[in-house]
Every structure is written in structure tokens, then in C-alpha cells.
Amino acid sequence: MNAAQLLPAIRDLYSRQPEYFHHEPWELQHVLFSLGYTDELADEAQIAAAVEVARMDWPQWSAA
């Protein structure tokens, strides 16, 4: 799974569970797997890349 495939999952996670918005990629790795967004643990670097793009979708949250 690459960052492009993770992006929709992270956007969905943020929209359904906004409390995860400020979690670090290493924390999201387990969350995405546990909630069934991924079938295996995704690479932290790929999660970090997808997170950066997804966080741009919600600029009002980044100031919080």
C-alpha cells in the first residue's frame, strides 16, 4: 500500500474520528490496521506522506 492508497483511508478516518487528527504516523499505523482500513501495517513514511496531504484538507484543524 502506498501513500496514494492511504490518502482516502486517512481522509475517511479524520472525517469519522477527528480525535485522530493530531496523532503521529507511528500511532496511525496501528489505528489504520485495527480499524480495518489496511490489511497489514503500512509503512510509517507512506502514512506520513498521506497525512501531510490530508491535513491540508482541513486547514482550520491545523491551527488547533
N, C-alpha and C. Protein backbone atom coordinates (compact mmCIF):
# COMPACT_ATOMS: atom_id res chain seq x y z
N MET A 1 0.86 -1.17 0.00
CA MET A 1 0.00 0.00 0.00
C MET A 1 0.90 1.23 0.00
N ASN A 2 0.60 2.18 -0.89
CA ASN A 2 1.40 3.39 -0.96
C ASN A 2 0.61 4.59 -0.43
N ALA A 3 1.26 5.75 -0.42
CA ALA A 3 0.63 6.94 0.14
C ALA A 3 -0.65 7.31 -0.59
N ALA A 4 -0.68 7.12 -1.90
CA ALA A 4 -1.89 7.43 -2.67
C ALA A 4 -3.05 6.54 -2.27
N GLN A 5 -2.78 5.30 -1.92
CA GLN A 5 -3.83 4.39 -1.48
C GLN A 5 -4.24 4.68 -0.04
N LEU A 6 -3.31 5.20 0.75
CA LEU A 6 -3.60 5.51 2.14
C LEU A 6 -4.39 6.80 2.29
N LEU A 7 -4.24 7.71 1.36
CA LEU A 7 -4.88 9.02 1.47
C LEU A 7 -6.39 8.92 1.66
N PRO A 8 -7.13 8.16 0.87
CA PRO A 8 -8.58 8.06 1.13
C PRO A 8 -8.90 7.47 2.50
N ALA A 9 -8.08 6.54 2.94
CA ALA A 9 -8.31 5.93 4.25
C ALA A 9 -8.10 6.95 5.36
N ILE A 10 -7.07 7.75 5.24
CA ILE A 10 -6.78 8.75 6.27
C ILE A 10 -7.83 9.86 6.25
N ARG A 11 -8.25 10.26 5.06
CA ARG A 11 -9.32 11.27 4.98
C ARG A 11 -10.60 10.75 5.63
N ASP A 12 -10.92 9.49 5.39
CA ASP A 12 -12.11 8.90 5.99
C ASP A 12 -11.96 8.82 7.51
N LEU A 13 -10.79 8.40 7.95
CA LEU A 13 -10.53 8.32 9.39
C LEU A 13 -10.69 9.68 10.04
N TYR A 14 -10.11 10.71 9.45
CA TYR A 14 -10.22 12.06 10.02
C TYR A 14 -11.66 12.56 10.02
N SER A 15 -12.43 12.23 9.01
CA SER A 15 -13.81 12.70 8.96
C SER A 15 -14.70 11.97 9.96
N ARG A 16 -14.41 10.68 10.18
CA ARG A 16 -15.22 9.89 11.12
C ARG A 16 -14.72 9.99 12.56
N GLN A 17 -13.42 10.12 12.72
CA GLN A 17 -12.81 10.13 14.05
C GLN A 17 -11.84 11.32 14.16
N PRO A 18 -12.32 12.54 14.25
CA PRO A 18 -11.43 13.71 14.23
C PRO A 18 -10.41 13.74 15.38
N GLU A 19 -10.63 12.95 16.40
CA GLU A 19 -9.66 12.93 17.51
C GLU A 19 -8.31 12.35 17.10
N TYR A 20 -8.27 11.67 15.97
CA TYR A 20 -7.00 11.11 15.48
C TYR A 20 -6.20 12.11 14.64
N PHE A 21 -6.72 13.30 14.42
CA PHE A 21 -6.07 14.26 13.54
C PHE A 21 -4.65 14.61 13.99
N HIS A 22 -4.41 14.69 15.26
CA HIS A 22 -3.10 15.11 15.76
C HIS A 22 -2.19 13.93 16.14
N HIS A 23 -2.58 12.73 15.81
CA HIS A 23 -1.73 11.57 16.09
C HIS A 23 -0.56 11.51 15.12
N GLU A 24 0.53 10.96 15.58
CA GLU A 24 1.72 10.79 14.77
C GLU A 24 1.55 9.58 13.84
N PRO A 25 2.32 9.55 12.73
CA PRO A 25 2.20 8.42 11.80
C PRO A 25 2.41 7.06 12.45
N TRP A 26 3.33 6.96 13.40
CA TRP A 26 3.55 5.67 14.04
C TRP A 26 2.34 5.25 14.87
N GLU A 27 1.57 6.20 15.36
CA GLU A 27 0.34 5.87 16.08
C GLU A 27 -0.77 5.49 15.11
N LEU A 28 -0.84 6.20 14.00
CA LEU A 28 -1.86 5.92 12.99
C LEU A 28 -1.66 4.57 12.32
N GLN A 29 -0.43 4.11 12.30
CA GLN A 29 -0.12 2.81 11.70
C GLN A 29 -0.98 1.73 12.34
N HIS A 30 -1.02 1.72 13.66
CA HIS A 30 -1.80 0.73 14.39
C HIS A 30 -3.30 1.00 14.27
N VAL A 31 -3.69 2.27 14.32
CA VAL A 31 -5.11 2.64 14.23
C VAL A 31 -5.70 2.19 12.89
N LEU A 32 -4.98 2.48 11.80
CA LEU A 32 -5.48 2.10 10.47
C LEU A 32 -5.64 0.59 10.35
N PHE A 33 -4.70 -0.15 10.92
CA PHE A 33 -4.78 -1.61 10.87
C PHE A 33 -5.92 -2.11 11.77
N SER A 34 -6.00 -1.60 12.97
CA SER A 34 -7.00 -2.06 13.93
C SER A 34 -8.44 -1.78 13.48
N LEU A 35 -8.63 -0.64 12.81
CA LEU A 35 -9.98 -0.28 12.37
C LEU A 35 -10.32 -0.86 11.00
N GLY A 36 -9.41 -1.62 10.42
CA GLY A 36 -9.69 -2.30 9.17
C GLY A 36 -9.47 -1.48 7.91
N TYR A 37 -8.80 -0.36 8.03
CA TYR A 37 -8.51 0.44 6.84
C TYR A 37 -7.41 -0.21 5.99
N THR A 38 -6.53 -0.97 6.63
CA THR A 38 -5.46 -1.67 5.91
C THR A 38 -5.44 -3.13 6.35
N ASP A 39 -4.94 -4.00 5.48
CA ASP A 39 -4.84 -5.42 5.79
C ASP A 39 -3.54 -5.77 6.49
N GLU A 40 -2.59 -4.87 6.43
CA GLU A 40 -1.30 -5.07 7.09
C GLU A 40 -0.80 -3.71 7.57
N LEU A 41 0.20 -3.71 8.42
CA LEU A 41 0.73 -2.45 8.91
C LEU A 41 1.42 -1.71 7.77
N ALA A 42 0.96 -0.51 7.52
CA ALA A 42 1.52 0.31 6.43
C ALA A 42 2.83 0.94 6.90
N ASP A 43 3.66 1.29 5.95
CA ASP A 43 4.94 1.93 6.23
C ASP A 43 4.70 3.33 6.81
N GLU A 44 5.44 3.68 7.86
CA GLU A 44 5.28 4.99 8.50
C GLU A 44 5.53 6.14 7.55
N ALA A 45 6.52 6.01 6.67
CA ALA A 45 6.83 7.09 5.74
C ALA A 45 5.67 7.33 4.77
N GLN A 46 5.02 6.27 4.36
CA GLN A 46 3.87 6.41 3.46
C GLN A 46 2.69 7.03 4.19
N ILE A 47 2.51 6.64 5.44
CA ILE A 47 1.44 7.24 6.25
C ILE A 47 1.72 8.72 6.44
N ALA A 48 2.97 9.06 6.74
CA ALA A 48 3.34 10.47 6.95
C ALA A 48 3.07 11.30 5.71
N ALA A 49 3.37 10.77 4.53
CA ALA A 49 3.12 11.49 3.29
C ALA A 49 1.62 11.70 3.08
N ALA A 50 0.83 10.69 3.33
CA ALA A 50 -0.62 10.81 3.17
C ALA A 50 -1.21 11.76 4.21
N VAL A 51 -0.68 11.73 5.42
CA VAL A 51 -1.16 12.62 6.48
C VAL A 51 -0.93 14.08 6.10
N GLU A 52 0.23 14.39 5.55
CA GLU A 52 0.53 15.76 5.16
C GLU A 52 -0.48 16.28 4.14
N VAL A 53 -0.83 15.47 3.19
CA VAL A 53 -1.82 15.87 2.19
C VAL A 53 -3.20 15.98 2.82
N ALA A 54 -3.57 15.00 3.62
CA ALA A 54 -4.90 15.00 4.24
C ALA A 54 -5.08 16.18 5.19
N ARG A 55 -4.05 16.55 5.89
CA ARG A 55 -4.16 17.68 6.82
C ARG A 55 -4.37 19.00 6.09
N MET A 56 -3.96 19.08 4.84
CA MET A 56 -4.19 20.30 4.05
C MET A 56 -5.67 20.46 3.72
N ASP A 57 -6.43 19.35 3.77
CA ASP A 57 -7.87 19.40 3.50
C ASP A 57 -8.63 20.13 4.60
N TRP A 58 -8.08 20.13 5.78
CA TRP A 58 -8.75 20.75 6.93
C TRP A 58 -7.84 21.79 7.56
N PRO A 59 -7.60 22.92 6.90
CA PRO A 59 -6.69 23.94 7.43
C PRO A 59 -7.16 24.51 8.77
N GLN A 60 -8.45 24.51 9.01
CA GLN A 60 -8.94 25.04 10.28
C GLN A 60 -8.50 24.16 11.46
N TRP A 61 -8.23 22.88 11.21
CA TRP A 61 -7.81 21.99 12.28
C TRP A 61 -6.32 22.14 12.57
N SER A 62 -5.53 22.50 11.58
CA SER A 62 -4.08 22.55 11.78
C SER A 62 -3.68 23.64 12.76
N ALA A 63 -4.50 24.67 12.92
CA ALA A 63 -4.19 25.73 13.87
C ALA A 63 -4.51 25.32 15.31
N ALA A 64 -5.32 24.29 15.47
CA ALA A 64 -5.73 23.86 16.82
C ALA A 64 -4.61 23.19 17.57
